[in-house]
Amino acid sequence: MRVVWLVALLLFTRPAAAQEALAVEGWRSHTSEGTIYYACDSPICAAGSQVSYKRQQHRATVTLPDFETHYRWLAGLNRDPSKIRDVRISDAKERTIDGVRVLQLNREVDWTDNTTTFTIEARLIGPERTFSLVSDSSRPEWTATNYEGFLRRLVDIAAPNRVDAKGSPSRHQ
């Protein structure tokens, strides 16, 4: 995985409390400096796909323009012509899922070895908790599928007072 982007992501906010890795079928996980990384380890996900998340300092006032500006700045900062041919940021959007604001955008990096990495960067902002979520792979559809799968799990954590379809409180209270 291209560590430069994750390091830059981690610089966007200060670390928050430690967390445990989610058990996700088909993915091998490891933790480093508070970030939980997942690598595809089965046929149910695309080989070479990676996802990571980290609990961040809670900042409920981050706006979509702030989020997008920050990632455009990082893209410019990390353009290393010896490794990167081009970086494109696109499709910045905001949505709300179960009371959790989700800010996300797409990033495509063309590397000098003629490969491309497709990434979705997101910030999940719940009532009391904030997480970063990053999904990347060599194909945009794999990146999106992996992202949506992990997004649902993190929304459940970021929305601690969520009530399920039966009216029972979520287990993340």
N, C-alpha and C. Protein backbone atom coordinates (compact mmCIF):
# COMPACT_ATOMS: atom_id res chain seq x y z
N MET A 1 0.84 -1.17 0.00
CA MET A 1 0.00 0.00 0.00
C MET A 1 0.88 1.24 0.00
N ARG A 2 0.43 2.27 -0.60
CA ARG A 2 1.21 3.49 -0.72
C ARG A 2 1.11 4.27 0.60
N VAL A 3 2.10 4.10 1.43
CA VAL A 3 2.10 4.62 2.80
C VAL A 3 2.06 6.14 2.85
N VAL A 4 2.61 6.81 1.85
CA VAL A 4 2.63 8.27 1.85
C VAL A 4 1.24 8.84 2.05
N TRP A 5 0.24 8.27 1.39
CA TRP A 5 -1.13 8.80 1.50
C TRP A 5 -1.71 8.55 2.88
N LEU A 6 -1.44 7.40 3.45
CA LEU A 6 -1.98 7.12 4.78
C LEU A 6 -1.32 7.98 5.83
N VAL A 7 -0.03 8.21 5.69
CA VAL A 7 0.66 9.08 6.64
C VAL A 7 0.06 10.48 6.58
N ALA A 8 -0.18 10.96 5.38
CA ALA A 8 -0.78 12.28 5.23
C ALA A 8 -2.18 12.32 5.84
N LEU A 9 -2.93 11.27 5.64
CA LEU A 9 -4.27 11.19 6.23
C LEU A 9 -4.19 11.27 7.74
N LEU A 10 -3.24 10.59 8.32
CA LEU A 10 -3.10 10.57 9.77
C LEU A 10 -2.69 11.93 10.31
N LEU A 11 -2.02 12.73 9.51
CA LEU A 11 -1.61 14.06 9.94
C LEU A 11 -2.78 15.03 9.99
N PHE A 12 -3.89 14.69 9.31
CA PHE A 12 -5.05 15.58 9.26
C PHE A 12 -5.66 15.79 10.63
N THR A 13 -5.62 14.78 11.48
CA THR A 13 -6.13 14.93 12.84
C THR A 13 -5.21 14.21 13.81
N ARG A 14 -5.34 14.57 15.06
CA ARG A 14 -4.57 13.90 16.09
C ARG A 14 -5.21 12.56 16.42
N PRO A 15 -4.42 11.60 16.90
CA PRO A 15 -4.96 10.29 17.25
C PRO A 15 -5.94 10.38 18.41
N ALA A 16 -6.88 9.46 18.41
CA ALA A 16 -7.84 9.34 19.51
C ALA A 16 -7.57 8.03 20.23
N ALA A 17 -8.53 7.59 21.01
CA ALA A 17 -8.35 6.38 21.81
C ALA A 17 -8.09 5.15 20.95
N ALA A 18 -7.42 4.17 21.56
CA ALA A 18 -7.13 2.91 20.87
C ALA A 18 -8.43 2.18 20.55
N GLN A 19 -8.36 1.25 19.62
CA GLN A 19 -9.53 0.50 19.21
C GLN A 19 -9.13 -0.91 18.84
N GLU A 20 -10.11 -1.77 18.80
CA GLU A 20 -9.87 -3.15 18.39
C GLU A 20 -10.27 -3.32 16.94
N ALA A 21 -9.61 -4.26 16.28
CA ALA A 21 -9.93 -4.54 14.89
C ALA A 21 -11.27 -5.25 14.79
N LEU A 22 -12.03 -4.90 13.77
CA LEU A 22 -13.25 -5.62 13.46
C LEU A 22 -12.86 -6.97 12.86
N ALA A 23 -13.61 -7.99 13.16
CA ALA A 23 -13.39 -9.28 12.51
C ALA A 23 -14.18 -9.25 11.20
N VAL A 24 -13.48 -9.29 10.09
CA VAL A 24 -14.12 -9.21 8.78
C VAL A 24 -13.70 -10.42 7.96
N GLU A 25 -14.65 -11.24 7.60
CA GLU A 25 -14.37 -12.47 6.86
C GLU A 25 -13.64 -12.16 5.55
N GLY A 26 -12.58 -12.91 5.32
CA GLY A 26 -11.83 -12.78 4.08
C GLY A 26 -10.72 -11.74 4.11
N TRP A 27 -10.56 -11.05 5.24
CA TRP A 27 -9.57 -10.00 5.35
C TRP A 27 -8.63 -10.30 6.51
N ARG A 28 -7.35 -10.09 6.28
CA ARG A 28 -6.32 -10.23 7.31
C ARG A 28 -6.03 -8.83 7.85
N SER A 29 -5.98 -8.69 9.17
CA SER A 29 -5.78 -7.35 9.73
C SER A 29 -4.50 -7.27 10.55
N HIS A 30 -3.99 -6.07 10.65
CA HIS A 30 -2.91 -5.75 11.58
C HIS A 30 -3.05 -4.29 11.97
N THR A 31 -2.51 -3.95 13.12
CA THR A 31 -2.60 -2.58 13.62
C THR A 31 -1.22 -1.98 13.71
N SER A 32 -1.14 -0.72 13.31
CA SER A 32 0.12 0.02 13.40
C SER A 32 -0.19 1.46 13.76
N GLU A 33 0.36 1.93 14.86
CA GLU A 33 0.21 3.31 15.31
C GLU A 33 -1.25 3.76 15.33
N GLY A 34 -2.14 2.88 15.80
CA GLY A 34 -3.54 3.23 15.97
C GLY A 34 -4.40 3.04 14.74
N THR A 35 -3.81 2.74 13.61
CA THR A 35 -4.58 2.50 12.39
C THR A 35 -4.71 0.99 12.20
N ILE A 36 -5.91 0.56 11.86
CA ILE A 36 -6.15 -0.85 11.61
C ILE A 36 -6.20 -1.05 10.10
N TYR A 37 -5.31 -1.89 9.61
CA TYR A 37 -5.17 -2.16 8.18
C TYR A 37 -5.73 -3.54 7.87
N TYR A 38 -6.40 -3.65 6.73
CA TYR A 38 -6.93 -4.93 6.27
C TYR A 38 -6.41 -5.18 4.86
N ALA A 39 -5.99 -6.42 4.63
CA ALA A 39 -5.55 -6.83 3.30
C ALA A 39 -6.44 -8.00 2.87
N CYS A 40 -6.88 -7.97 1.63
CA CYS A 40 -7.72 -9.05 1.12
C CYS A 40 -6.96 -10.36 1.22
N ASP A 41 -7.63 -11.37 1.76
CA ASP A 41 -6.97 -12.66 2.00
C ASP A 41 -7.86 -13.83 1.56
N SER A 42 -8.75 -13.59 0.59
CA SER A 42 -9.63 -14.66 0.14
C SER A 42 -10.26 -14.29 -1.20
N PRO A 43 -10.94 -15.25 -1.82
CA PRO A 43 -11.61 -14.96 -3.09
C PRO A 43 -12.83 -14.05 -2.96
N ILE A 44 -13.33 -13.78 -1.74
CA ILE A 44 -14.52 -12.95 -1.61
C ILE A 44 -14.22 -11.46 -1.76
N CYS A 45 -12.94 -11.09 -1.74
CA CYS A 45 -12.55 -9.72 -2.00
C CYS A 45 -11.47 -9.75 -3.09
N ALA A 46 -11.17 -8.62 -3.66
CA ALA A 46 -10.23 -8.57 -4.78
C ALA A 46 -8.79 -8.59 -4.30
N ALA A 47 -7.99 -9.48 -4.86
CA ALA A 47 -6.58 -9.58 -4.50
C ALA A 47 -5.92 -8.21 -4.62
N GLY A 48 -5.11 -7.90 -3.63
CA GLY A 48 -4.40 -6.62 -3.63
C GLY A 48 -5.19 -5.47 -3.02
N SER A 49 -6.46 -5.69 -2.72
CA SER A 49 -7.27 -4.64 -2.10
C SER A 49 -6.84 -4.42 -0.66
N GLN A 50 -6.92 -3.16 -0.24
CA GLN A 50 -6.59 -2.82 1.14
C GLN A 50 -7.60 -1.81 1.66
N VAL A 51 -7.90 -1.92 2.93
CA VAL A 51 -8.80 -0.99 3.62
C VAL A 51 -8.17 -0.68 4.97
N SER A 52 -8.33 0.54 5.43
CA SER A 52 -7.87 0.88 6.77
C SER A 52 -8.84 1.85 7.41
N TYR A 53 -8.84 1.85 8.73
CA TYR A 53 -9.62 2.85 9.44
C TYR A 53 -8.93 3.19 10.74
N LYS A 54 -9.31 4.36 11.26
CA LYS A 54 -8.72 4.83 12.51
C LYS A 54 -9.70 5.76 13.19
N ARG A 55 -9.82 5.60 14.48
CA ARG A 55 -10.61 6.56 15.24
C ARG A 55 -9.83 7.86 15.29
N GLN A 56 -10.53 8.96 15.04
CA GLN A 56 -9.90 10.28 15.00
C GLN A 56 -10.46 11.16 16.11
N GLN A 57 -9.77 12.25 16.37
CA GLN A 57 -10.31 13.23 17.31
C GLN A 57 -11.64 13.70 16.74
N HIS A 58 -12.64 13.78 17.59
CA HIS A 58 -13.98 14.14 17.14
C HIS A 58 -14.03 15.63 16.79
N ARG A 59 -14.35 15.90 15.55
CA ARG A 59 -14.50 17.28 15.06
C ARG A 59 -15.77 17.34 14.23
N ALA A 60 -16.86 17.62 14.88
CA ALA A 60 -18.17 17.61 14.23
C ALA A 60 -18.36 18.73 13.22
N THR A 61 -17.50 19.75 13.26
CA THR A 61 -17.71 20.91 12.40
C THR A 61 -16.97 20.84 11.06
N VAL A 62 -16.26 19.76 10.78
CA VAL A 62 -15.57 19.64 9.50
C VAL A 62 -16.61 19.68 8.37
N THR A 63 -16.36 20.53 7.38
CA THR A 63 -17.30 20.65 6.26
C THR A 63 -16.76 19.91 5.04
N LEU A 64 -17.64 19.64 4.08
CA LEU A 64 -17.20 18.99 2.85
C LEU A 64 -16.16 19.84 2.11
N PRO A 65 -16.35 21.16 1.98
CA PRO A 65 -15.29 21.95 1.33
C PRO A 65 -13.94 21.87 2.07
N ASP A 66 -13.97 21.87 3.41
CA ASP A 66 -12.72 21.72 4.17
C ASP A 66 -12.06 20.39 3.86
N PHE A 67 -12.85 19.34 3.88
CA PHE A 67 -12.38 17.98 3.62
C PHE A 67 -11.75 17.88 2.22
N GLU A 68 -12.47 18.38 1.22
CA GLU A 68 -11.97 18.32 -0.15
C GLU A 68 -10.71 19.17 -0.32
N THR A 69 -10.70 20.36 0.23
CA THR A 69 -9.53 21.24 0.13
C THR A 69 -8.30 20.57 0.73
N HIS A 70 -8.50 19.93 1.88
CA HIS A 70 -7.39 19.25 2.53
C HIS A 70 -6.81 18.16 1.63
N TYR A 71 -7.65 17.34 1.03
CA TYR A 71 -7.15 16.25 0.18
C TYR A 71 -6.56 16.75 -1.14
N ARG A 72 -7.06 17.84 -1.65
CA ARG A 72 -6.42 18.43 -2.84
C ARG A 72 -5.04 18.97 -2.49
N TRP A 73 -4.92 19.57 -1.31
CA TRP A 73 -3.63 20.06 -0.85
C TRP A 73 -2.65 18.89 -0.70
N LEU A 74 -3.12 17.78 -0.07
CA LEU A 74 -2.25 16.61 0.09
C LEU A 74 -1.82 16.04 -1.26
N ALA A 75 -2.74 16.02 -2.22
CA ALA A 75 -2.40 15.50 -3.55
C ALA A 75 -1.27 16.32 -4.16
N GLY A 76 -1.35 17.63 -4.04
CA GLY A 76 -0.29 18.49 -4.56
C GLY A 76 1.01 18.31 -3.81
N LEU A 77 0.92 18.18 -2.51
CA LEU A 77 2.09 18.03 -1.65
C LEU A 77 2.84 16.72 -1.94
N ASN A 78 2.11 15.68 -2.25
CA ASN A 78 2.71 14.35 -2.41
C ASN A 78 3.00 13.96 -3.86
N ARG A 79 2.98 14.89 -4.77
CA ARG A 79 3.32 14.58 -6.16
C ARG A 79 4.83 14.47 -6.28
N ASP A 80 5.29 13.25 -6.29
CA ASP A 80 6.71 12.97 -6.43
C ASP A 80 6.93 12.44 -7.85
N PRO A 81 7.50 13.26 -8.74
CA PRO A 81 7.64 12.84 -10.14
C PRO A 81 8.46 11.57 -10.34
N SER A 82 9.25 11.18 -9.36
CA SER A 82 10.01 9.95 -9.51
C SER A 82 9.13 8.72 -9.27
N LYS A 83 7.95 8.92 -8.67
CA LYS A 83 7.04 7.80 -8.38
C LYS A 83 5.63 7.99 -8.93
N ILE A 84 5.16 9.24 -8.98
CA ILE A 84 3.78 9.52 -9.34
C ILE A 84 3.72 10.34 -10.63
N ARG A 85 2.94 9.84 -11.59
CA ARG A 85 2.74 10.59 -12.83
C ARG A 85 1.60 11.60 -12.70
N ASP A 86 0.49 11.19 -12.02
CA ASP A 86 -0.65 12.10 -11.90
C ASP A 86 -1.50 11.68 -10.71
N VAL A 87 -2.19 12.67 -10.12
CA VAL A 87 -3.14 12.43 -9.04
C VAL A 87 -4.40 13.20 -9.37
N ARG A 88 -5.54 12.52 -9.27
CA ARG A 88 -6.82 13.16 -9.53
C ARG A 88 -7.74 12.96 -8.33
N ILE A 89 -8.36 14.05 -7.88
CA ILE A 89 -9.34 14.02 -6.80
C ILE A 89 -10.69 14.32 -7.45
N SER A 90 -11.71 13.51 -7.12
CA SER A 90 -13.02 13.73 -7.74
C SER A 90 -14.14 13.27 -6.81
N ASP A 91 -15.33 13.62 -7.22
CA ASP A 91 -16.58 13.10 -6.64
C ASP A 91 -16.67 13.29 -5.13
N ALA A 92 -16.30 14.48 -4.64
CA ALA A 92 -16.47 14.77 -3.21
C ALA A 92 -17.96 14.86 -2.92
N LYS A 93 -18.39 14.17 -1.87
CA LYS A 93 -19.81 14.21 -1.53
C LYS A 93 -20.00 13.96 -0.05
N GLU A 94 -21.17 14.35 0.41
CA GLU A 94 -21.54 14.14 1.80
C GLU A 94 -22.90 13.47 1.83
N ARG A 95 -23.05 12.52 2.73
CA ARG A 95 -24.33 11.87 2.96
C ARG A 95 -24.44 11.57 4.44
N THR A 96 -25.63 11.25 4.88
CA THR A 96 -25.85 10.89 6.27
C THR A 96 -26.46 9.50 6.31
N ILE A 97 -25.85 8.63 7.11
CA ILE A 97 -26.33 7.27 7.28
C ILE A 97 -26.56 7.05 8.77
N ASP A 98 -27.80 6.78 9.15
CA ASP A 98 -28.13 6.51 10.56
C ASP A 98 -27.56 7.56 11.51
N GLY A 99 -27.64 8.82 11.11
CA GLY A 99 -27.17 9.90 11.96
C GLY A 99 -25.68 10.17 11.90
N VAL A 100 -24.96 9.46 11.06
CA VAL A 100 -23.52 9.64 10.90
C VAL A 100 -23.26 10.39 9.59
N ARG A 101 -22.58 11.53 9.69
CA ARG A 101 -22.18 12.26 8.48
C ARG A 101 -21.01 11.54 7.85
N VAL A 102 -21.08 11.33 6.55
CA VAL A 102 -20.01 10.66 5.82
C VAL A 102 -19.53 11.63 4.73
N LEU A 103 -18.29 12.08 4.87
CA LEU A 103 -17.63 12.91 3.86
C LEU A 103 -16.71 11.98 3.09
N GLN A 104 -16.80 11.98 1.78
CA GLN A 104 -15.94 11.07 1.02
C GLN A 104 -15.56 11.69 -0.31
N LEU A 105 -14.45 11.18 -0.85
CA LEU A 105 -14.02 11.58 -2.19
C LEU A 105 -13.20 10.45 -2.79
N ASN A 106 -13.04 10.52 -4.09
CA ASN A 106 -12.24 9.52 -4.82
C ASN A 106 -10.89 10.12 -5.16
N ARG A 107 -9.87 9.27 -5.14
CA ARG A 107 -8.53 9.67 -5.57
C ARG A 107 -7.99 8.60 -6.50
N GLU A 108 -7.44 9.02 -7.61
CA GLU A 108 -6.76 8.10 -8.51
C GLU A 108 -5.31 8.56 -8.61
N VAL A 109 -4.41 7.60 -8.43
CA VAL A 109 -2.98 7.89 -8.55
C VAL A 109 -2.42 7.04 -9.66
N ASP A 110 -1.82 7.69 -10.66
CA ASP A 110 -1.10 7.00 -11.73
C ASP A 110 0.37 6.99 -11.33
N TRP A 111 0.91 5.78 -11.17
CA TRP A 111 2.29 5.61 -10.73
C TRP A 111 3.21 5.52 -11.94
N THR A 112 4.48 5.78 -11.75
CA THR A 112 5.44 5.72 -12.86
C THR A 112 5.67 4.30 -13.37
N ASP A 113 5.24 3.29 -12.62
CA ASP A 113 5.35 1.90 -13.10
C ASP A 113 4.15 1.50 -13.95
N ASN A 114 3.34 2.52 -14.37
CA ASN A 114 2.17 2.33 -15.22
C ASN A 114 1.03 1.58 -14.55
N THR A 115 0.95 1.64 -13.23
CA THR A 115 -0.20 1.12 -12.50
C THR A 115 -1.00 2.31 -11.98
N THR A 116 -2.25 2.04 -11.64
CA THR A 116 -3.12 3.07 -11.07
C THR A 116 -3.75 2.51 -9.80
N THR A 117 -3.81 3.33 -8.77
CA THR A 117 -4.49 2.98 -7.53
C THR A 117 -5.75 3.84 -7.42
N PHE A 118 -6.88 3.19 -7.19
CA PHE A 118 -8.15 3.86 -7.01
C PHE A 118 -8.49 3.83 -5.52
N THR A 119 -8.75 5.00 -4.96
CA THR A 119 -8.95 5.12 -3.52
C THR A 119 -10.22 5.89 -3.22
N ILE A 120 -10.91 5.47 -2.16
CA ILE A 120 -11.98 6.28 -1.57
C ILE A 120 -11.50 6.64 -0.18
N GLU A 121 -11.46 7.94 0.10
CA GLU A 121 -11.09 8.48 1.40
C GLU A 121 -12.38 8.98 2.05
N ALA A 122 -12.58 8.67 3.32
CA ALA A 122 -13.80 9.12 3.99
C ALA A 122 -13.53 9.52 5.43
N ARG A 123 -14.41 10.36 5.91
CA ARG A 123 -14.46 10.73 7.32
C ARG A 123 -15.89 10.48 7.77
N LEU A 124 -16.05 9.64 8.81
CA LEU A 124 -17.36 9.35 9.39
C LEU A 124 -17.47 10.13 10.68
N ILE A 125 -18.47 10.98 10.78
CA ILE A 125 -18.61 11.85 11.94
C ILE A 125 -19.94 11.54 12.61
N GLY A 126 -19.85 10.80 13.71
CA GLY A 126 -21.03 10.45 14.48
C GLY A 126 -21.29 11.48 15.56
N PRO A 127 -22.30 11.23 16.38
CA PRO A 127 -22.62 12.19 17.45
C PRO A 127 -21.48 12.37 18.46
N GLU A 128 -20.70 11.30 18.68
CA GLU A 128 -19.64 11.37 19.69
C GLU A 128 -18.30 10.84 19.20
N ARG A 129 -18.27 10.23 18.03
CA ARG A 129 -17.05 9.58 17.53
C ARG A 129 -16.83 9.92 16.06
N THR A 130 -15.55 9.97 15.70
CA THR A 130 -15.16 10.23 14.31
C THR A 130 -14.13 9.19 13.90
N PHE A 131 -14.27 8.70 12.65
CA PHE A 131 -13.35 7.72 12.10
C PHE A 131 -12.93 8.14 10.70
N SER A 132 -11.70 7.80 10.34
CA SER A 132 -11.28 7.89 8.94
C SER A 132 -11.39 6.49 8.36
N LEU A 133 -11.70 6.41 7.08
CA LEU A 133 -11.83 5.13 6.37
C LEU A 133 -11.20 5.31 5.00
N VAL A 134 -10.31 4.39 4.63
CA VAL A 134 -9.62 4.45 3.34
C VAL A 134 -9.73 3.08 2.68
N SER A 135 -10.16 3.05 1.43
CA SER A 135 -10.23 1.81 0.67
C SER A 135 -9.49 2.02 -0.63
N ASP A 136 -8.59 1.08 -0.97
CA ASP A 136 -7.94 1.22 -2.28
C ASP A 136 -7.66 -0.13 -2.92
N SER A 137 -7.59 -0.10 -4.24
CA SER A 137 -7.29 -1.28 -5.03
C SER A 137 -6.92 -0.83 -6.44
N SER A 138 -6.68 -1.80 -7.28
CA SER A 138 -6.29 -1.48 -8.67
C SER A 138 -7.49 -1.33 -9.60
N ARG A 139 -8.72 -1.48 -9.07
CA ARG A 139 -9.92 -1.30 -9.89
C ARG A 139 -10.96 -0.50 -9.11
N PRO A 140 -11.58 0.49 -9.74
CA PRO A 140 -12.52 1.34 -9.00
C PRO A 140 -13.71 0.59 -8.43
N GLU A 141 -14.21 -0.42 -9.14
CA GLU A 141 -15.37 -1.15 -8.63
C GLU A 141 -15.02 -1.97 -7.39
N TRP A 142 -13.80 -2.50 -7.33
CA TRP A 142 -13.37 -3.24 -6.13
C TRP A 142 -13.25 -2.28 -4.95
N THR A 143 -12.66 -1.12 -5.22
CA THR A 143 -12.50 -0.12 -4.17
C THR A 143 -13.86 0.26 -3.59
N ALA A 144 -14.84 0.50 -4.45
CA ALA A 144 -16.17 0.91 -4.00
C ALA A 144 -16.88 -0.21 -3.22
N THR A 145 -16.78 -1.43 -3.70
CA THR A 145 -17.42 -2.56 -3.01
C THR A 145 -16.81 -2.76 -1.63
N ASN A 146 -15.50 -2.74 -1.54
CA ASN A 146 -14.82 -2.90 -0.25
C ASN A 146 -15.19 -1.76 0.69
N TYR A 147 -15.19 -0.54 0.17
CA TYR A 147 -15.52 0.63 0.97
C TYR A 147 -16.92 0.52 1.56
N GLU A 148 -17.89 0.19 0.74
CA GLU A 148 -19.27 0.11 1.23
C GLU A 148 -19.42 -0.96 2.30
N GLY A 149 -18.71 -2.08 2.15
CA GLY A 149 -18.77 -3.14 3.16
C GLY A 149 -18.24 -2.69 4.50
N PHE A 150 -17.10 -2.02 4.50
CA PHE A 150 -16.52 -1.54 5.76
C PHE A 150 -17.29 -0.32 6.29
N LEU A 151 -17.83 0.49 5.41
CA LEU A 151 -18.57 1.69 5.83
C LEU A 151 -19.72 1.31 6.75
N ARG A 152 -20.49 0.32 6.38
CA ARG A 152 -21.64 -0.09 7.19
C ARG A 152 -21.20 -0.49 8.60
N ARG A 153 -20.11 -1.22 8.69
CA ARG A 153 -19.61 -1.65 10.01
C ARG A 153 -19.17 -0.46 10.86
N LEU A 154 -18.50 0.51 10.24
CA LEU A 154 -18.05 1.68 11.00
C LEU A 154 -19.19 2.62 11.37
N VAL A 155 -20.22 2.70 10.52
CA VAL A 155 -21.39 3.50 10.88
C VAL A 155 -22.01 2.95 12.16
N ASP A 156 -22.05 1.63 12.28
CA ASP A 156 -22.60 1.01 13.49
C ASP A 156 -21.81 1.42 14.73
N ILE A 157 -20.53 1.62 14.59
CA ILE A 157 -19.69 2.02 15.72
C ILE A 157 -19.79 3.54 15.97
N ALA A 158 -19.83 4.31 14.88
CA ALA A 158 -19.86 5.77 15.02
C ALA A 158 -21.21 6.27 15.52
N ALA A 159 -22.26 5.48 15.36
CA ALA A 159 -23.60 5.87 15.81
C ALA A 159 -23.97 5.02 17.02
N PRO A 160 -23.40 5.30 18.18
CA PRO A 160 -23.54 4.42 19.33
C PRO A 160 -24.96 4.29 19.87
N ASN A 161 -25.81 5.26 19.64
CA ASN A 161 -27.16 5.20 20.18
C ASN A 161 -28.19 4.77 19.14
N ARG A 162 -27.73 4.13 18.11
CA ARG A 162 -28.60 3.69 17.03
C ARG A 162 -29.52 2.58 17.52
N VAL A 163 -30.74 2.60 17.03
CA VAL A 163 -31.71 1.56 17.36
C VAL A 163 -31.89 0.69 16.14
N ASP A 164 -31.88 -0.65 16.33
CA ASP A 164 -32.02 -1.55 15.18
C ASP A 164 -33.48 -1.65 14.74
N ALA A 165 -33.74 -2.42 13.70
CA ALA A 165 -35.06 -2.54 13.11
C ALA A 165 -36.10 -3.07 14.10
N LYS A 166 -35.69 -3.79 15.12
CA LYS A 166 -36.60 -4.34 16.13
C LYS A 166 -36.83 -3.37 17.29
N GLY A 167 -36.20 -2.19 17.22
CA GLY A 167 -36.35 -1.22 18.29
C GLY A 167 -35.40 -1.42 19.45
N SER A 168 -34.43 -2.32 19.28
CA SER A 168 -33.45 -2.58 20.34
C SER A 168 -32.25 -1.66 20.14
N PRO A 169 -31.67 -1.20 21.26
CA PRO A 169 -30.47 -0.37 21.12
C PRO A 169 -29.32 -1.15 20.46
N SER A 170 -28.51 -0.43 19.73
CA SER A 170 -27.32 -1.02 19.11
C SER A 170 -26.38 -1.51 20.20
N ARG A 171 -25.54 -2.49 19.87
CA ARG A 171 -24.58 -3.02 20.83
C ARG A 171 -23.44 -2.05 21.10
N HIS A 172 -23.37 -0.95 20.40
CA HIS A 172 -22.25 -0.01 20.52
C HIS A 172 -22.63 1.21 21.37
N GLN A 173 -23.32 0.99 22.46
CA GLN A 173 -23.70 2.12 23.31
C GLN A 173 -22.61 2.45 24.29
